[in-house]
Amino acid sequence: MSRPYTGRFAPSPTGPLHFGSLAAGLGSWLDARAHGGRWLVRMEDLDAPRCSQAHADAILRALEDYGLTWDGPIAYQSRRLKAYEAALGQLVAARLAYPCACSRKEIADSALENIEGPVYPGTCRAGLHGRTARAWRVRTDDAPVCFDDRRLGRQCQRLESEVGDFVVKRADGLFAYQLAVVVDDAWQGVSDVVRGADLLGSTTRQIHLQRLLNLVTPRYCHLPVALNASGQKLSKQTRASALPLPASPALLAQALEFLGLPVAQELRGAPCPAILSWAVGHWTLPSPPARTRPRPSTA
């Protein structure tokens, strides 16, 4: 029997929402509402120097203004450090994670290059040899990790040869995104992760961790990513413009069109709640690209 639908939107409060984050949050919200499910909001604020409560509050105000209401309390990763420490301890106790002394430069100098970046060569797998630990890595193997993306189809990756043992606690003492998101999705009972395709490459690492920690794997769906005129992903780093407030129904309609759901002509100029009510009843996943780039492994 399938679990009740629970979706989530997990922005990083390092700045205001922009069109790209609106499209991702909107797709996640619509999928949850169209399935009669719950939709949660989680602030991924582990990187304390870059995050702030002021940004988190601004994100919540923007979501409310555009009509993307959530269920239950807001979760903050910065308040869940003990849960991540416990998960890391479970991995270490089972000899599934180990300390690593390598610097980024050392890895770059010795690693093979893959389309996703350097592949960690396993330098510290057998021990530190008198060096001081900087980070913690989780062990991988070369059995293909596969999942069926609801929009993009079958995806597979061989982690050991295509990524290498990856970091679960960073050299600066912060827990890595991959570990925190896996622990939190399980804690919140998330059944469906609907997010931008820029995170597609993270999914096999998250599934690997779910298996090692005996956690349930959600269904995944990766949406189109909004780009700027230079072909870069819209983000705070590429200086994407903040969403206008009060909410712009025209921009909401533009986000729906970006997701493959043009708003009915009679709703042009209608307020956001009316547009969203219509969209829930007409929601379908965006069509996959004509030719999706395959994952590195297709086994």
Protein backbone atom coordinates (compact mmCIF):
# COMPACT_ATOMS: atom_id res chain seq x y z
CA MET A 1 0.00 0.00 0.00
CA SER A 2 1.46 3.38 -0.99
CA ARG A 3 2.06 6.05 1.61
CA PRO A 4 -0.13 9.17 1.80
CA TYR A 5 1.27 11.90 -0.40
CA THR A 6 3.58 14.32 1.44
CA GLY A 7 5.61 16.79 -0.59
CA ARG A 8 8.01 19.50 0.47
CA PHE A 9 9.75 22.68 -0.65
CA ALA A 10 13.17 23.26 0.86
CA PRO A 11 14.72 26.64 -0.01
CA SER A 12 17.99 27.93 1.40
CA PRO A 13 17.39 31.28 3.16
CA THR A 14 20.37 33.05 1.63
CA GLY A 15 18.26 35.63 -0.19
CA PRO A 16 14.75 36.28 -1.54
CA LEU A 17 12.80 33.96 -3.80
CA HIS A 18 13.21 34.55 -7.55
CA PHE A 19 11.38 33.25 -10.63
CA GLY A 20 13.34 29.97 -10.69
CA SER A 21 12.50 29.18 -7.07
CA LEU A 22 8.86 30.20 -7.67
CA ALA A 23 8.63 27.72 -10.56
CA ALA A 24 10.18 24.90 -8.50
CA GLY A 25 8.02 25.63 -5.45
CA LEU A 26 4.91 26.00 -7.60
CA GLY A 27 5.48 22.64 -9.31
CA SER A 28 5.99 20.94 -5.96
CA TRP A 29 2.89 22.62 -4.46
CA LEU A 30 0.68 21.79 -7.44
CA ASP A 31 1.74 18.15 -7.49
CA ALA A 32 0.93 17.81 -3.79
CA ARG A 33 -2.44 19.55 -4.07
CA ALA A 34 -3.42 17.68 -7.24
CA HIS A 35 -2.81 14.41 -5.34
CA GLY A 36 -4.79 15.61 -2.32
CA GLY A 37 -1.57 15.57 -0.30
CA ARG A 38 0.28 17.62 2.29
CA TRP A 39 2.92 20.20 1.36
CA LEU A 40 5.66 21.08 3.84
CA VAL A 41 8.23 23.87 3.90
CA ARG A 42 11.73 23.25 5.25
CA MET A 43 14.47 25.86 5.54
CA GLU A 44 17.83 24.42 4.54
CA ASP A 45 19.80 26.83 6.71
CA LEU A 46 22.80 24.73 7.72
CA ASP A 47 25.25 27.22 6.21
CA ALA A 48 24.86 29.73 9.02
CA PRO A 49 27.22 32.40 7.63
CA ARG A 50 25.13 32.65 4.43
CA CYS A 51 21.64 32.16 5.88
CA SER A 52 19.50 34.43 8.02
CA GLN A 53 16.11 34.43 9.71
CA ALA A 54 15.31 37.64 7.84
CA HIS A 55 15.71 35.82 4.52
CA ALA A 56 13.64 32.89 5.81
CA ASP A 57 10.85 35.25 6.87
CA ALA A 58 10.96 36.99 3.47
CA ILE A 59 10.66 33.63 1.68
CA LEU A 60 7.64 32.67 3.78
CA ARG A 61 5.97 36.03 3.11
CA ALA A 62 6.50 35.59 -0.64
CA LEU A 63 5.08 32.04 -0.60
CA GLU A 64 2.01 33.26 1.27
CA ASP A 65 1.54 36.22 -1.02
CA TYR A 66 1.63 34.00 -4.13
CA GLY A 67 -0.85 31.60 -2.54
CA LEU A 68 1.51 28.70 -1.88
CA THR A 69 0.20 27.77 1.55
CA TRP A 70 1.88 25.00 3.53
CA ASP A 71 0.80 22.41 6.08
CA GLY A 72 2.26 22.03 9.54
CA PRO A 73 5.13 23.92 11.17
CA ILE A 74 8.17 25.19 9.27
CA ALA A 75 11.23 22.97 9.78
CA TYR A 76 14.70 24.48 10.18
CA GLN A 77 17.75 22.31 9.57
CA SER A 78 19.83 24.44 11.93
CA ARG A 79 17.69 23.06 14.77
CA ARG A 80 18.23 19.41 13.84
CA LEU A 81 21.98 18.97 14.24
CA LYS A 82 21.57 16.14 16.78
CA ALA A 83 19.61 14.10 14.24
CA TYR A 84 22.37 14.48 11.64
CA GLU A 85 25.02 13.63 14.23
CA ALA A 86 23.09 10.47 15.11
CA ALA A 87 22.87 9.45 11.45
CA LEU A 88 26.61 10.01 10.99
CA GLY A 89 27.26 8.00 14.15
CA GLN A 90 25.18 5.14 12.73
CA LEU A 91 27.27 5.16 9.54
CA VAL A 92 30.56 5.31 11.44
CA ALA A 93 29.55 2.50 13.81
CA ALA A 94 28.77 0.30 10.82
CA ARG A 95 32.10 1.24 9.17
CA LEU A 96 30.19 2.85 6.32
CA ALA A 97 31.77 6.27 6.82
CA TYR A 98 35.38 7.26 7.51
CA PRO A 99 37.43 10.39 8.26
CA CYS A 100 39.21 12.08 5.36
CA ALA A 101 42.29 14.33 5.52
CA CYS A 102 42.35 15.39 1.86
CA SER A 103 42.14 19.03 0.85
CA ARG A 104 40.23 20.16 -2.21
CA LYS A 105 43.52 20.84 -4.01
CA GLU A 106 44.82 17.35 -3.27
CA ILE A 107 41.62 15.81 -4.61
CA ALA A 108 41.69 17.98 -7.72
CA ASP A 109 45.33 17.02 -8.36
CA SER A 110 44.79 13.27 -7.95
CA ALA A 111 41.19 12.64 -8.98
CA LEU A 112 39.80 11.57 -12.32
CA GLU A 113 37.46 14.13 -13.85
CA ASN A 114 33.83 13.26 -14.52
CA ILE A 115 31.02 15.34 -16.02
CA GLU A 116 29.96 16.16 -12.44
CA GLY A 117 33.47 17.10 -11.30
CA PRO A 118 36.40 15.29 -9.66
CA VAL A 119 35.85 11.65 -8.66
CA TYR A 120 37.26 11.09 -5.18
CA PRO A 121 40.01 8.46 -5.58
CA GLY A 122 39.57 6.86 -2.14
CA THR A 123 42.84 8.18 -0.70
CA CYS A 124 41.75 7.91 2.96
CA ARG A 125 39.67 4.74 2.71
CA ALA A 126 42.42 2.68 4.36
CA GLY A 127 43.24 5.25 7.07
CA LEU A 128 44.68 8.70 7.67
CA HIS A 129 48.31 7.56 8.00
CA GLY A 130 49.09 10.10 10.71
CA ARG A 131 47.27 13.00 9.08
CA THR A 132 44.52 15.05 10.72
CA ALA A 133 40.93 14.39 9.70
CA ARG A 134 39.15 17.22 7.90
CA ALA A 135 35.85 15.72 6.79
CA TRP A 136 33.79 12.52 6.89
CA ARG A 137 32.99 10.50 3.76
CA VAL A 138 30.53 7.69 3.14
CA ARG A 139 31.69 4.54 1.38
CA THR A 140 30.28 3.78 -2.06
CA ASP A 141 30.48 0.79 -4.38
CA ASP A 142 30.13 0.31 -8.11
CA ALA A 143 26.77 -1.43 -8.19
CA PRO A 144 24.41 0.78 -10.20
CA VAL A 145 22.01 2.89 -8.15
CA CYS A 146 18.85 3.36 -10.21
CA PHE A 147 15.52 5.08 -9.81
CA ASP A 148 12.57 5.94 -12.03
CA ASP A 149 12.10 9.68 -12.24
CA ARG A 150 8.42 10.50 -12.73
CA ARG A 151 9.26 12.95 -15.51
CA LEU A 152 12.63 11.91 -16.92
CA GLY A 153 12.40 8.13 -16.70
CA ARG A 154 15.03 5.62 -15.66
CA GLN A 155 18.22 7.09 -14.17
CA CYS A 156 21.28 5.13 -13.05
CA GLN A 157 24.71 5.91 -11.70
CA ARG A 158 27.71 3.91 -10.47
CA LEU A 159 28.77 5.98 -7.49
CA GLU A 160 32.24 4.60 -6.81
CA SER A 161 33.57 5.19 -10.32
CA GLU A 162 31.48 8.26 -11.22
CA VAL A 163 31.42 10.22 -7.94
CA GLY A 164 33.59 8.43 -5.41
CA ASP A 165 33.07 8.31 -1.66
CA PHE A 166 31.28 11.58 -0.94
CA VAL A 167 31.32 13.98 1.99
CA VAL A 168 28.64 13.76 4.68
CA LYS A 169 30.31 16.17 7.12
CA ARG A 170 32.43 18.97 5.77
CA ALA A 171 35.86 20.20 6.83
CA ASP A 172 34.24 23.33 8.33
CA GLY A 173 32.15 21.15 10.64
CA LEU A 174 28.88 21.59 8.76
CA PHE A 175 26.81 18.56 7.82
CA ALA A 176 26.60 18.07 4.07
CA TYR A 177 23.38 18.65 2.16
CA GLN A 178 23.17 15.00 1.08
CA LEU A 179 23.01 13.67 4.64
CA ALA A 180 20.73 16.36 6.05
CA VAL A 181 18.16 16.14 3.27
CA VAL A 182 17.92 12.34 3.57
CA VAL A 183 17.46 12.45 7.34
CA ASP A 184 14.85 15.20 7.09
CA ASP A 185 12.83 13.64 4.27
CA ALA A 186 12.50 10.48 6.36
CA TRP A 187 11.67 12.42 9.55
CA GLN A 188 8.93 14.38 7.79
CA GLY A 189 7.50 11.33 6.02
CA VAL A 190 8.09 12.81 2.58
CA SER A 191 6.67 10.49 -0.08
CA ASP A 192 7.35 12.65 -3.14
CA VAL A 193 10.28 14.95 -3.89
CA VAL A 194 9.44 17.34 -6.72
CA ARG A 195 12.33 19.73 -7.40
CA GLY A 196 14.49 21.25 -10.11
CA ALA A 197 16.52 19.08 -12.47
CA ASP A 198 19.70 20.79 -11.24
CA LEU A 199 19.45 18.36 -8.29
CA LEU A 200 19.03 15.27 -10.47
CA GLY A 201 22.67 14.29 -9.96
CA SER A 202 22.26 14.29 -6.17
CA THR A 203 19.49 11.72 -6.17
CA THR A 204 21.57 8.56 -6.45
CA ARG A 205 23.75 9.70 -3.54
CA GLN A 206 20.64 10.30 -1.47
CA ILE A 207 19.22 6.89 -2.35
CA HIS A 208 22.56 5.31 -1.39
CA LEU A 209 22.37 6.98 2.03
CA GLN A 210 18.73 5.98 2.47
CA ARG A 211 19.69 2.36 1.91
CA LEU A 212 22.64 2.52 4.32
CA LEU A 213 20.47 4.15 7.00
CA ASN A 214 17.46 1.84 6.37
CA LEU A 215 15.23 4.75 5.36
CA VAL A 216 12.34 4.71 2.89
CA THR A 217 13.13 6.15 -0.56
CA PRO A 218 10.60 8.74 -1.81
CA ARG A 219 9.43 9.02 -5.40
CA TYR A 220 11.40 11.64 -7.33
CA CYS A 221 10.40 14.07 -10.03
CA HIS A 222 12.77 16.66 -11.50
CA LEU A 223 11.29 19.75 -13.12
CA PRO A 224 12.76 22.06 -15.78
CA VAL A 225 15.23 24.65 -14.48
CA ALA A 226 14.76 28.32 -15.33
CA LEU A 227 17.79 29.92 -17.01
CA ASN A 228 18.87 33.50 -17.57
CA ALA A 229 19.76 35.05 -20.93
CA SER A 230 23.31 33.65 -20.62
CA GLY A 231 22.06 30.10 -20.16
CA GLN A 232 22.89 30.05 -16.43
CA LYS A 233 20.50 28.70 -13.83
CA LEU A 234 18.53 31.51 -12.20
CA SER A 235 19.92 31.77 -8.68
CA LYS A 236 21.05 34.21 -6.07
CA GLN A 237 24.62 33.68 -7.30
CA THR A 238 23.63 34.78 -10.83
CA ARG A 239 21.78 37.80 -9.39
CA ALA A 240 18.28 36.67 -10.24
CA SER A 241 15.72 39.36 -9.47
CA ALA A 242 13.61 38.95 -6.33
CA LEU A 243 9.93 38.16 -6.81
CA PRO A 244 7.81 41.32 -6.86
CA LEU A 245 5.53 41.85 -3.87
CA PRO A 246 2.61 42.13 -3.62
CA ALA A 247 2.24 39.04 -5.76
CA SER A 248 2.07 39.41 -9.53
CA PRO A 249 -0.64 37.19 -11.07
CA ALA A 250 1.06 37.71 -14.44
CA LEU A 251 4.33 36.29 -13.07
CA LEU A 252 2.46 33.35 -11.53
CA ALA A 253 0.89 32.68 -14.93
CA GLN A 254 4.35 32.91 -16.50
CA ALA A 255 5.66 30.31 -14.03
CA LEU A 256 2.78 27.98 -14.92
CA GLU A 257 3.52 28.41 -18.61
CA PHE A 258 7.18 27.63 -17.91
CA LEU A 259 5.98 24.38 -16.31
CA GLY A 260 3.99 23.54 -19.43
CA LEU A 261 0.57 24.68 -18.20
CA PRO A 262 -0.57 27.85 -20.03
CA VAL A 263 -3.26 29.65 -18.07
CA ALA A 264 -6.72 29.71 -19.68
CA GLN A 265 -7.43 32.98 -21.45
CA GLU A 266 -10.40 33.77 -19.24
CA LEU A 267 -8.11 33.70 -16.18
CA ARG A 268 -5.62 36.21 -17.53
CA GLY A 269 -5.59 39.03 -15.01
CA ALA A 270 -7.40 36.98 -12.34
CA PRO A 271 -5.98 37.04 -8.78
CA CYS A 272 -3.48 34.39 -7.72
CA PRO A 273 -5.96 32.21 -5.74
CA ALA A 274 -8.21 31.82 -8.79
CA ILE A 275 -5.26 30.94 -11.03
CA LEU A 276 -3.98 28.38 -8.52
CA SER A 277 -7.41 26.80 -8.06
CA TRP A 278 -7.65 26.33 -11.83
CA ALA A 279 -4.08 25.02 -12.05
CA VAL A 280 -4.62 22.32 -9.40
CA GLY A 281 -7.44 20.87 -11.49
CA HIS A 282 -5.39 20.93 -14.70
CA TRP A 283 -1.95 19.97 -13.39
CA THR A 284 0.17 17.52 -15.36
CA LEU A 285 3.92 17.08 -15.23
CA PRO A 286 5.90 19.04 -17.83
CA SER A 287 6.92 16.99 -20.85
CA PRO A 288 10.50 15.69 -20.69
CA PRO A 289 12.98 17.26 -23.08
CA ALA A 290 13.03 15.70 -26.54
CA ARG A 291 16.35 14.15 -25.72
CA THR A 292 17.21 13.85 -22.05
CA ARG A 293 20.94 13.60 -21.43
CA PRO A 294 21.48 10.10 -20.02
CA ARG A 295 23.05 9.57 -16.66
CA PRO A 296 26.68 8.43 -16.89
CA SER A 297 25.68 4.79 -16.41
CA THR A 298 22.65 3.15 -17.99
CA ALA A 299 23.03 -0.28 -16.40
